[in-house]
Amino acid sequence: MAEAPRQPYGEVYDLGYAHYDGERLGRSHAVRALIIYSIKRGLGIRKRWTSKIIPALLYVAAYSPVLIVAGLLAFLPEGVDFGYADLAGFISTALLIFAAGLAPEMLSDDRRENVLSLYFSRAITRADYLMAKVAAMTLLMATIAFGPPLLLFVAKVLLANSPISYFADHIGDLGRIAAWSALVCIYYTALGLLIAALVDRKGIASAVFIGGLLLITAITNALFDAMSGSLRDFIILVSPLELIDALTSWILNGAPSEMAALRGPVYLIGVAGVVAIAALVMYRRYMTED
């Protein structure tokens, strides 16, 4: 007898899917959630304990000097002062290392793990994604850049003979601290995200960031020594570490470096140039992709 033709076989499973009737929080909530998630990721929260070591050490390195100085000022005679520019070296070093490890956490992993399509399938746009990452990294950097000088200012106010008078006379210090912190955070954030947008491997991105900054600084220093005339003064605008020193000298009244011969506002051109280049690279890397 002829064999009966086989029929297509299938089963229906009740997986319990139900229509969502709750509150839809929308695009702004999704952006805030991404910022919070990125901050936690940068600090190593909900990751292996080894991911928390470097952030913890950097916070210790940034805050320990100001705590020591605050303790010393309590016992030193009146008139002995410790300037905010004296802290800038510790803070700048901590920020450099922090940015090297933080920027790849913001961008590189998402590209390497191919989860960008998952992000963009939700309420956020590509611009929202980039702004959230920039905001998260800037906020984390600000905790190191702004926190120690602010603590030193508070210590000076509390240790003054007349705290209210000291606060009124030195209120401008808060503005200078905020301006310096903002510029340094923006500069290092732009440089870090510029590298992270091009390199998918975190370790390679961190090495390129630190190695690139040191190499460029060395090359610009050599060019400065080899050149003559007023044109060489503008080399500092493309020298990352020297530019940070110049900003510190201009805003916090620190000791000027040999290359810092320009007027203070001119240094903003160097910061604006890095921000513009980083924005262009991220735009071409993310916004123009299908």
C-alpha atoms as a PDB file:
ATOM      1  CA  MET A   1       0.000   0.000   0.000  1.00  0.00           C
ATOM      2  CA  ALA A   2       1.176   3.527  -0.730  1.00  0.00           C
ATOM      3  CA  GLU A   3       2.544   5.399   2.300  1.00  0.00           C
ATOM      4  CA  ALA A   4       0.387   8.331   3.437  1.00  0.00           C
ATOM      5  CA  PRO A   5       1.949  11.739   2.760  1.00  0.00           C
ATOM      6  CA  ARG A   6       3.490  13.363   5.822  1.00  0.00           C
ATOM      7  CA  GLN A   7       1.834  16.505   7.104  1.00  0.00           C
ATOM      8  CA  PRO A   8       3.794  19.497   8.486  1.00  0.00           C
ATOM      9  CA  TYR A   9       4.181  19.123  12.232  1.00  0.00           C
ATOM     10  CA  GLY A  10       3.999  21.962  14.703  1.00  0.00           C
ATOM     11  CA  GLU A  11       3.094  22.754  18.294  1.00  0.00           C
ATOM     12  CA  VAL A  12       1.747  25.874  19.929  1.00  0.00           C
ATOM     13  CA  TYR A  13       3.189  26.820  23.314  1.00  0.00           C
ATOM     14  CA  ASP A  14       1.614  29.317  25.688  1.00  0.00           C
ATOM     15  CA  LEU A  15       4.627  31.322  26.800  1.00  0.00           C
ATOM     16  CA  GLY A  16       2.602  33.679  28.896  1.00  0.00           C
ATOM     17  CA  TYR A  17       3.254  36.830  26.877  1.00  0.00           C
ATOM     18  CA  ALA A  18       0.919  39.646  27.846  1.00  0.00           C
ATOM     19  CA  HIS A  19       0.378  43.165  26.584  1.00  0.00           C
ATOM     20  CA  TYR A  20       2.129  45.821  28.680  1.00  0.00           C
ATOM     21  CA  ASP A  21      -0.419  48.174  30.202  1.00  0.00           C
ATOM     22  CA  GLY A  22       1.879  50.028  32.618  1.00  0.00           C
ATOM     23  CA  GLU A  23       3.348  53.499  32.442  1.00  0.00           C
ATOM     24  CA  ARG A  24       5.608  54.207  29.486  1.00  0.00           C
ATOM     25  CA  LEU A  25       8.423  56.351  30.816  1.00  0.00           C
ATOM     26  CA  GLY A  26       9.605  57.507  27.428  1.00  0.00           C
ATOM     27  CA  ARG A  27      12.800  58.675  25.856  1.00  0.00           C
ATOM     28  CA  SER A  28      14.100  60.942  28.640  1.00  0.00           C
ATOM     29  CA  HIS A  29      13.879  58.135  31.176  1.00  0.00           C
ATOM     30  CA  ALA A  30      15.756  55.821  28.812  1.00  0.00           C
ATOM     31  CA  VAL A  31      18.555  58.387  28.460  1.00  0.00           C
ATOM     32  CA  ARG A  32      18.789  58.831  32.248  1.00  0.00           C
ATOM     33  CA  ALA A  33      18.859  55.068  32.707  1.00  0.00           C
ATOM     34  CA  LEU A  34      21.706  54.791  30.188  1.00  0.00           C
ATOM     35  CA  ILE A  35      23.668  57.516  31.996  1.00  0.00           C
ATOM     36  CA  ILE A  36      23.260  55.754  35.350  1.00  0.00           C
ATOM     37  CA  TYR A  37      24.164  52.398  33.827  1.00  0.00           C
ATOM     38  CA  SER A  38      27.270  53.879  32.180  1.00  0.00           C
ATOM     39  CA  ILE A  39      28.370  55.461  35.474  1.00  0.00           C
ATOM     40  CA  LYS A  40      27.994  52.135  37.281  1.00  0.00           C
ATOM     41  CA  ARG A  41      29.900  50.388  34.520  1.00  0.00           C
ATOM     42  CA  GLY A  42      32.711  52.925  34.704  1.00  0.00           C
ATOM     43  CA  LEU A  43      33.037  52.375  38.466  1.00  0.00           C
ATOM     44  CA  GLY A  44      32.962  48.604  38.099  1.00  0.00           C
ATOM     45  CA  ILE A  45      29.640  48.223  39.947  1.00  0.00           C
ATOM     46  CA  ARG A  46      28.010  44.830  39.347  1.00  0.00           C
ATOM     47  CA  LYS A  47      31.204  43.619  37.742  1.00  0.00           C
ATOM     48  CA  ARG A  48      34.057  41.499  39.038  1.00  0.00           C
ATOM     49  CA  TRP A  49      35.904  42.864  42.043  1.00  0.00           C
ATOM     50  CA  THR A  50      39.014  43.357  39.940  1.00  0.00           C
ATOM     51  CA  SER A  51      37.139  45.990  37.903  1.00  0.00           C
ATOM     52  CA  LYS A  52      36.749  48.108  41.037  1.00  0.00           C
ATOM     53  CA  ILE A  53      40.445  48.237  41.966  1.00  0.00           C
ATOM     54  CA  ILE A  54      41.666  50.911  39.546  1.00  0.00           C
ATOM     55  CA  PRO A  55      38.763  53.370  40.138  1.00  0.00           C
ATOM     56  CA  ALA A  56      39.185  52.963  43.894  1.00  0.00           C
ATOM     57  CA  LEU A  57      42.944  53.561  43.711  1.00  0.00           C
ATOM     58  CA  LEU A  58      42.462  56.643  41.549  1.00  0.00           C
ATOM     59  CA  TYR A  59      39.989  58.162  43.993  1.00  0.00           C
ATOM     60  CA  VAL A  60      42.423  57.485  46.815  1.00  0.00           C
ATOM     61  CA  ALA A  61      45.257  59.073  44.822  1.00  0.00           C
ATOM     62  CA  ALA A  62      43.153  62.152  44.045  1.00  0.00           C
ATOM     63  CA  TYR A  63      41.648  62.723  47.501  1.00  0.00           C
ATOM     64  CA  SER A  64      44.515  61.651  49.794  1.00  0.00           C
ATOM     65  CA  PRO A  65      46.693  64.753  49.175  1.00  0.00           C
ATOM     66  CA  VAL A  66      43.909  67.198  50.026  1.00  0.00           C
ATOM     67  CA  LEU A  67      43.025  65.306  53.206  1.00  0.00           C
ATOM     68  CA  ILE A  68      46.673  65.366  54.264  1.00  0.00           C
ATOM     69  CA  VAL A  69      46.985  69.070  53.439  1.00  0.00           C
ATOM     70  CA  ALA A  70      43.790  69.895  55.332  1.00  0.00           C
ATOM     71  CA  GLY A  71      45.212  68.139  58.380  1.00  0.00           C
ATOM     72  CA  LEU A  72      48.517  69.995  58.103  1.00  0.00           C
ATOM     73  CA  LEU A  73      46.859  73.389  57.732  1.00  0.00           C
ATOM     74  CA  ALA A  74      45.163  72.847  61.079  1.00  0.00           C
ATOM     75  CA  PHE A  75      48.578  72.761  62.808  1.00  0.00           C
ATOM     76  CA  LEU A  76      50.639  75.105  60.657  1.00  0.00           C
ATOM     77  CA  PRO A  77      50.932  78.760  61.674  1.00  0.00           C
ATOM     78  CA  GLU A  78      48.658  81.340  60.116  1.00  0.00           C
ATOM     79  CA  GLY A  79      49.904  82.640  56.795  1.00  0.00           C
ATOM     80  CA  VAL A  80      51.117  79.286  55.526  1.00  0.00           C
ATOM     81  CA  ASP A  81      48.994  78.431  52.522  1.00  0.00           C
ATOM     82  CA  PHE A  82      48.609  75.598  50.043  1.00  0.00           C
ATOM     83  CA  GLY A  83      47.326  76.656  46.636  1.00  0.00           C
ATOM     84  CA  TYR A  84      44.832  74.858  44.449  1.00  0.00           C
ATOM     85  CA  ALA A  85      47.412  74.660  41.684  1.00  0.00           C
ATOM     86  CA  ASP A  86      49.557  72.509  43.983  1.00  0.00           C
ATOM     87  CA  LEU A  87      46.829  69.842  43.842  1.00  0.00           C
ATOM     88  CA  ALA A  88      46.489  70.052  40.080  1.00  0.00           C
ATOM     89  CA  GLY A  89      49.414  67.717  39.391  1.00  0.00           C
ATOM     90  CA  PHE A  90      47.911  64.872  41.436  1.00  0.00           C
ATOM     91  CA  ILE A  91      44.455  65.472  39.981  1.00  0.00           C
ATOM     92  CA  SER A  92      45.652  65.704  36.375  1.00  0.00           C
ATOM     93  CA  THR A  93      47.553  62.430  36.670  1.00  0.00           C
ATOM     94  CA  ALA A  94      44.539  60.683  38.188  1.00  0.00           C
ATOM     95  CA  LEU A  95      42.287  62.098  35.466  1.00  0.00           C
ATOM     96  CA  LEU A  96      44.642  60.956  32.720  1.00  0.00           C
ATOM     97  CA  ILE A  97      44.628  57.359  33.970  1.00  0.00           C
ATOM     98  CA  PHE A  98      40.899  57.483  34.740  1.00  0.00           C
ATOM     99  CA  ALA A  99      40.063  58.698  31.242  1.00  0.00           C
ATOM    100  CA  ALA A 100      42.248  55.986  29.701  1.00  0.00           C
ATOM    101  CA  GLY A 101      40.230  53.265  31.416  1.00  0.00           C
ATOM    102  CA  LEU A 102      36.848  54.976  31.448  1.00  0.00           C
ATOM    103  CA  ALA A 103      36.412  55.972  27.804  1.00  0.00           C
ATOM    104  CA  PRO A 104      36.678  52.408  26.431  1.00  0.00           C
ATOM    105  CA  GLU A 105      34.081  51.324  29.008  1.00  0.00           C
ATOM    106  CA  MET A 106      31.747  53.952  27.557  1.00  0.00           C
ATOM    107  CA  LEU A 107      32.004  53.037  23.862  1.00  0.00           C
ATOM    108  CA  SER A 108      34.358  50.206  22.948  1.00  0.00           C
ATOM    109  CA  ASP A 109      32.540  47.314  24.604  1.00  0.00           C
ATOM    110  CA  ASP A 110      29.175  48.179  23.027  1.00  0.00           C
ATOM    111  CA  ARG A 111      30.693  48.079  19.576  1.00  0.00           C
ATOM    112  CA  ARG A 112      32.711  44.924  20.168  1.00  0.00           C
ATOM    113  CA  GLU A 113      29.739  43.061  21.665  1.00  0.00           C
ATOM    114  CA  ASN A 114      27.390  44.245  18.862  1.00  0.00           C
ATOM    115  CA  VAL A 115      24.698  45.591  21.190  1.00  0.00           C
ATOM    116  CA  LEU A 116      24.233  48.968  19.518  1.00  0.00           C
ATOM    117  CA  SER A 117      21.256  47.682  17.502  1.00  0.00           C
ATOM    118  CA  LEU A 118      19.617  46.685  20.786  1.00  0.00           C
ATOM    119  CA  TYR A 119      20.065  50.192  22.181  1.00  0.00           C
ATOM    120  CA  PHE A 120      18.684  51.838  19.071  1.00  0.00           C
ATOM    121  CA  SER A 121      15.666  49.539  18.943  1.00  0.00           C
ATOM    122  CA  ARG A 122      14.380  51.328  22.030  1.00  0.00           C
ATOM    123  CA  ALA A 123      13.297  54.891  22.601  1.00  0.00           C
ATOM    124  CA  ILE A 124      16.751  56.466  22.360  1.00  0.00           C
ATOM    125  CA  THR A 125      18.355  57.723  19.189  1.00  0.00           C
ATOM    126  CA  ARG A 126      22.004  57.590  18.209  1.00  0.00           C
ATOM    127  CA  ALA A 127      22.429  61.187  19.368  1.00  0.00           C
ATOM    128  CA  ASP A 128      20.836  60.297  22.718  1.00  0.00           C
ATOM    129  CA  TYR A 129      23.248  57.390  23.082  1.00  0.00           C
ATOM    130  CA  LEU A 130      26.308  59.564  22.469  1.00  0.00           C
ATOM    131  CA  MET A 131      25.082  62.363  24.731  1.00  0.00           C
ATOM    132  CA  ALA A 132      24.396  59.868  27.530  1.00  0.00           C
ATOM    133  CA  LYS A 133      27.906  58.441  27.235  1.00  0.00           C
ATOM    134  CA  VAL A 134      29.488  61.903  27.184  1.00  0.00           C
ATOM    135  CA  ALA A 135      27.422  62.976  30.209  1.00  0.00           C
ATOM    136  CA  ALA A 136      28.286  59.828  32.177  1.00  0.00           C
ATOM    137  CA  MET A 137      32.010  60.147  31.562  1.00  0.00           C
ATOM    138  CA  THR A 138      32.050  63.890  32.271  1.00  0.00           C
ATOM    139  CA  LEU A 139      30.214  63.408  35.587  1.00  0.00           C
ATOM    140  CA  LEU A 140      32.632  60.702  36.679  1.00  0.00           C
ATOM    141  CA  MET A 141      35.637  62.801  35.711  1.00  0.00           C
ATOM    142  CA  ALA A 142      34.180  65.772  37.603  1.00  0.00           C
ATOM    143  CA  THR A 143      34.126  63.799  40.851  1.00  0.00           C
ATOM    144  CA  ILE A 144      37.923  63.702  40.694  1.00  0.00           C
ATOM    145  CA  ALA A 145      38.563  67.115  39.121  1.00  0.00           C
ATOM    146  CA  PHE A 146      36.192  69.205  41.244  1.00  0.00           C
ATOM    147  CA  GLY A 147      36.011  67.274  44.525  1.00  0.00           C
ATOM    148  CA  PRO A 148      39.566  67.693  45.940  1.00  0.00           C
ATOM    149  CA  PRO A 149      39.860  71.474  45.283  1.00  0.00           C
ATOM    150  CA  LEU A 150      36.385  71.955  46.738  1.00  0.00           C
ATOM    151  CA  LEU A 151      37.389  70.070  49.897  1.00  0.00           C
ATOM    152  CA  LEU A 152      40.501  72.249  50.183  1.00  0.00           C
ATOM    153  CA  PHE A 153      38.352  75.377  49.870  1.00  0.00           C
ATOM    154  CA  VAL A 154      36.002  74.121  52.600  1.00  0.00           C
ATOM    155  CA  ALA A 155      38.978  73.307  54.836  1.00  0.00           C
ATOM    156  CA  LYS A 156      40.404  76.801  54.382  1.00  0.00           C
ATOM    157  CA  VAL A 157      37.057  78.372  55.218  1.00  0.00           C
ATOM    158  CA  LEU A 158      36.617  76.298  58.366  1.00  0.00           C
ATOM    159  CA  LEU A 159      40.198  76.877  59.566  1.00  0.00           C
ATOM    160  CA  ALA A 160      40.097  80.646  59.019  1.00  0.00           C
ATOM    161  CA  ASN A 161      39.850  82.977  62.015  1.00  0.00           C
ATOM    162  CA  SER A 162      36.677  84.413  60.523  1.00  0.00           C
ATOM    163  CA  PRO A 163      35.100  81.785  58.242  1.00  0.00           C
ATOM    164  CA  ILE A 164      32.347  84.082  57.008  1.00  0.00           C
ATOM    165  CA  SER A 165      34.768  86.848  56.053  1.00  0.00           C
ATOM    166  CA  TYR A 166      37.137  84.365  54.404  1.00  0.00           C
ATOM    167  CA  PHE A 167      34.287  82.867  52.403  1.00  0.00           C
ATOM    168  CA  ALA A 168      33.136  86.303  51.224  1.00  0.00           C
ATOM    169  CA  ASP A 169      36.664  87.380  50.282  1.00  0.00           C
ATOM    170  CA  HIS A 170      37.510  84.159  48.424  1.00  0.00           C
ATOM    171  CA  ILE A 171      34.208  83.289  46.785  1.00  0.00           C
ATOM    172  CA  GLY A 172      35.932  83.788  43.447  1.00  0.00           C
ATOM    173  CA  ASP A 173      38.058  80.714  44.161  1.00  0.00           C
ATOM    174  CA  LEU A 174      34.989  78.541  43.652  1.00  0.00           C
ATOM    175  CA  GLY A 175      34.514  79.975  40.174  1.00  0.00           C
ATOM    176  CA  ARG A 176      38.157  79.343  39.269  1.00  0.00           C
ATOM    177  CA  ILE A 177      37.970  75.787  40.613  1.00  0.00           C
ATOM    178  CA  ALA A 178      34.784  75.116  38.645  1.00  0.00           C
ATOM    179  CA  ALA A 179      36.217  76.603  35.439  1.00  0.00           C
ATOM    180  CA  TRP A 180      39.457  74.612  35.656  1.00  0.00           C
ATOM    181  CA  SER A 181      37.648  71.390  36.516  1.00  0.00           C
ATOM    182  CA  ALA A 182      35.174  71.792  33.668  1.00  0.00           C
ATOM    183  CA  LEU A 183      37.853  72.494  31.056  1.00  0.00           C
ATOM    184  CA  VAL A 184      40.083  69.606  32.128  1.00  0.00           C
ATOM    185  CA  CYS A 185      37.135  67.187  32.281  1.00  0.00           C
ATOM    186  CA  ILE A 186      35.870  68.234  28.848  1.00  0.00           C
ATOM    187  CA  TYR A 187      39.353  67.990  27.353  1.00  0.00           C
ATOM    188  CA  TYR A 188      40.157  64.524  28.659  1.00  0.00           C
ATOM    189  CA  THR A 189      36.626  63.272  27.956  1.00  0.00           C
ATOM    190  CA  ALA A 190      36.824  64.408  24.333  1.00  0.00           C
ATOM    191  CA  LEU A 191      40.258  62.837  23.847  1.00  0.00           C
ATOM    192  CA  GLY A 192      39.231  59.584  25.506  1.00  0.00           C
ATOM    193  CA  LEU A 193      36.000  59.182  23.553  1.00  0.00           C
ATOM    194  CA  LEU A 194      37.807  60.120  20.346  1.00  0.00           C
ATOM    195  CA  ILE A 195      40.084  57.097  20.769  1.00  0.00           C
ATOM    196  CA  ALA A 196      37.333  54.813  22.059  1.00  0.00           C
ATOM    197  CA  ALA A 197      35.154  55.599  19.041  1.00  0.00           C
ATOM    198  CA  LEU A 198      37.867  54.263  16.741  1.00  0.00           C
ATOM    199  CA  VAL A 199      39.209  51.289  18.717  1.00  0.00           C
ATOM    200  CA  ASP A 200      37.018  48.367  19.777  1.00  0.00           C
ATOM    201  CA  ARG A 201      39.445  46.680  22.197  1.00  0.00           C
ATOM    202  CA  LYS A 202      39.532  48.277  25.648  1.00  0.00           C
ATOM    203  CA  GLY A 203      43.155  47.467  26.411  1.00  0.00           C
ATOM    204  CA  ILE A 204      44.355  48.753  23.049  1.00  0.00           C
ATOM    205  CA  ALA A 205      42.240  51.904  23.368  1.00  0.00           C
ATOM    206  CA  SER A 206      43.712  52.663  26.804  1.00  0.00           C
ATOM    207  CA  ALA A 207      47.258  52.092  25.547  1.00  0.00           C
ATOM    208  CA  VAL A 208      46.685  54.277  22.483  1.00  0.00           C
ATOM    209  CA  PHE A 209      45.253  57.041  24.677  1.00  0.00           C
ATOM    210  CA  ILE A 210      48.140  57.208  27.147  1.00  0.00           C
ATOM    211  CA  GLY A 211      50.851  56.413  24.610  1.00  0.00           C
ATOM    212  CA  GLY A 212      49.442  58.901  22.107  1.00  0.00           C
ATOM    213  CA  LEU A 213      49.314  61.737  24.640  1.00  0.00           C
ATOM    214  CA  LEU A 214      52.866  61.100  25.801  1.00  0.00           C
ATOM    215  CA  LEU A 215      54.165  60.787  22.239  1.00  0.00           C
ATOM    216  CA  ILE A 216      52.446  63.945  21.013  1.00  0.00           C
ATOM    217  CA  THR A 217      53.691  65.874  24.043  1.00  0.00           C
ATOM    218  CA  ALA A 218      57.250  64.702  23.416  1.00  0.00           C
ATOM    219  CA  ILE A 219      57.086  65.642  19.720  1.00  0.00           C
ATOM    220  CA  THR A 220      55.664  69.094  20.430  1.00  0.00           C
ATOM    221  CA  ASN A 221      58.316  69.734  23.083  1.00  0.00           C
ATOM    222  CA  ALA A 222      61.015  68.833  20.569  1.00  0.00           C
ATOM    223  CA  LEU A 223      59.461  71.124  17.961  1.00  0.00           C
ATOM    224  CA  PHE A 224      59.253  73.937  20.501  1.00  0.00           C
ATOM    225  CA  ASP A 225      62.951  73.627  21.282  1.00  0.00           C
ATOM    226  CA  ALA A 226      63.867  73.411  17.590  1.00  0.00           C
ATOM    227  CA  MET A 227      61.822  76.402  16.428  1.00  0.00           C
ATOM    228  CA  SER A 228      62.291  80.089  17.041  1.00  0.00           C
ATOM    229  CA  GLY A 229      60.010  83.080  16.820  1.00  0.00           C
ATOM    230  CA  SER A 230      56.534  83.729  18.133  1.00  0.00           C
ATOM    231  CA  LEU A 231      54.957  81.003  16.005  1.00  0.00           C
ATOM    232  CA  ARG A 232      56.373  78.288  18.214  1.00  0.00           C
ATOM    233  CA  ASP A 233      54.286  79.533  21.150  1.00  0.00           C
ATOM    234  CA  PHE A 234      51.166  78.149  19.457  1.00  0.00           C
ATOM    235  CA  ILE A 235      52.547  74.599  19.508  1.00  0.00           C
ATOM    236  CA  ILE A 236      51.224  74.295  23.043  1.00  0.00           C
ATOM    237  CA  LEU A 237      47.673  74.195  21.653  1.00  0.00           C
ATOM    238  CA  VAL A 238      48.315  70.691  20.270  1.00  0.00           C
ATOM    239  CA  SER A 239      50.414  69.466  23.206  1.00  0.00           C
ATOM    240  CA  PRO A 240      47.950  67.725  25.576  1.00  0.00           C
ATOM    241  CA  LEU A 241      49.923  67.667  28.821  1.00  0.00           C
ATOM    242  CA  GLU A 242      51.488  71.081  28.308  1.00  0.00           C
ATOM    243  CA  LEU A 243      48.060  72.545  27.534  1.00  0.00           C
ATOM    244  CA  ILE A 244      46.703  71.230  30.841  1.00  0.00           C
ATOM    245  CA  ASP A 245      49.639  72.827  32.656  1.00  0.00           C
ATOM    246  CA  ALA A 246      48.959  76.106  30.856  1.00  0.00           C
ATOM    247  CA  LEU A 247      45.287  76.025  31.866  1.00  0.00           C
ATOM    248  CA  THR A 248      46.346  75.387  35.448  1.00  0.00           C
ATOM    249  CA  SER A 249      48.744  78.321  35.367  1.00  0.00           C
ATOM    250  CA  TRP A 250      46.145  80.623  33.832  1.00  0.00           C
ATOM    251  CA  ILE A 251      43.133  79.728  35.986  1.00  0.00           C
ATOM    252  CA  LEU A 252      44.620  78.531  39.283  1.00  0.00           C
ATOM    253  CA  ASN A 253      47.693  80.803  39.276  1.00  0.00           C
ATOM    254  CA  GLY A 254      50.144  77.954  39.117  1.00  0.00           C
ATOM    255  CA  ALA A 255      53.764  78.156  38.016  1.00  0.00           C
ATOM    256  CA  PRO A 256      53.840  78.654  34.215  1.00  0.00           C
ATOM    257  CA  SER A 257      55.674  76.127  32.087  1.00  0.00           C
ATOM    258  CA  GLU A 258      58.302  77.077  29.524  1.00  0.00           C
ATOM    259  CA  MET A 259      55.799  76.712  26.680  1.00  0.00           C
ATOM    260  CA  ALA A 260      53.055  78.785  28.340  1.00  0.00           C
ATOM    261  CA  ALA A 261      53.678  82.144  26.662  1.00  0.00           C
ATOM    262  CA  LEU A 262      50.225  82.892  25.228  1.00  0.00           C
ATOM    263  CA  ARG A 263      47.333  84.824  26.714  1.00  0.00           C
ATOM    264  CA  GLY A 264      45.014  82.699  28.796  1.00  0.00           C
ATOM    265  CA  PRO A 265      41.898  82.729  26.586  1.00  0.00           C
ATOM    266  CA  VAL A 266      43.958  81.499  23.619  1.00  0.00           C
ATOM    267  CA  TYR A 267      44.334  78.143  25.352  1.00  0.00           C
ATOM    268  CA  LEU A 268      40.613  77.632  24.947  1.00  0.00           C
ATOM    269  CA  ILE A 269      41.255  77.205  21.226  1.00  0.00           C
ATOM    270  CA  GLY A 270      43.153  74.008  21.957  1.00  0.00           C
ATOM    271  CA  VAL A 271      40.301  72.641  24.062  1.00  0.00           C
ATOM    272  CA  ALA A 272      37.684  73.654  21.489  1.00  0.00           C
ATOM    273  CA  GLY A 273      39.702  72.053  18.681  1.00  0.00           C
ATOM    274  CA  VAL A 274      39.891  68.689  20.453  1.00  0.00           C
ATOM    275  CA  VAL A 275      36.166  68.801  21.250  1.00  0.00           C
ATOM    276  CA  ALA A 276      35.332  69.610  17.619  1.00  0.00           C
ATOM    277  CA  ILE A 277      37.496  66.790  16.255  1.00  0.00           C
ATOM    278  CA  ALA A 278      36.045  64.301  18.746  1.00  0.00           C
ATOM    279  CA  ALA A 279      32.493  65.352  17.865  1.00  0.00           C
ATOM    280  CA  LEU A 280      33.215  64.940  14.143  1.00  0.00           C
ATOM    281  CA  VAL A 281      34.731  61.476  14.601  1.00  0.00           C
ATOM    282  CA  MET A 282      31.836  60.268  16.764  1.00  0.00           C
ATOM    283  CA  TYR A 283      29.341  61.714  14.311  1.00  0.00           C
ATOM    284  CA  ARG A 284      30.892  59.845  11.381  1.00  0.00           C
ATOM    285  CA  ARG A 285      31.299  56.688  13.485  1.00  0.00           C
ATOM    286  CA  TYR A 286      27.755  56.504  14.836  1.00  0.00           C
ATOM    287  CA  MET A 287      25.387  58.984  13.229  1.00  0.00           C
ATOM    288  CA  THR A 288      26.129  58.154   9.585  1.00  0.00           C
ATOM    289  CA  GLU A 289      25.916  54.372   9.983  1.00  0.00           C
ATOM    290  CA  ASP A 290      22.853  52.440   8.913  1.00  0.00           C
END
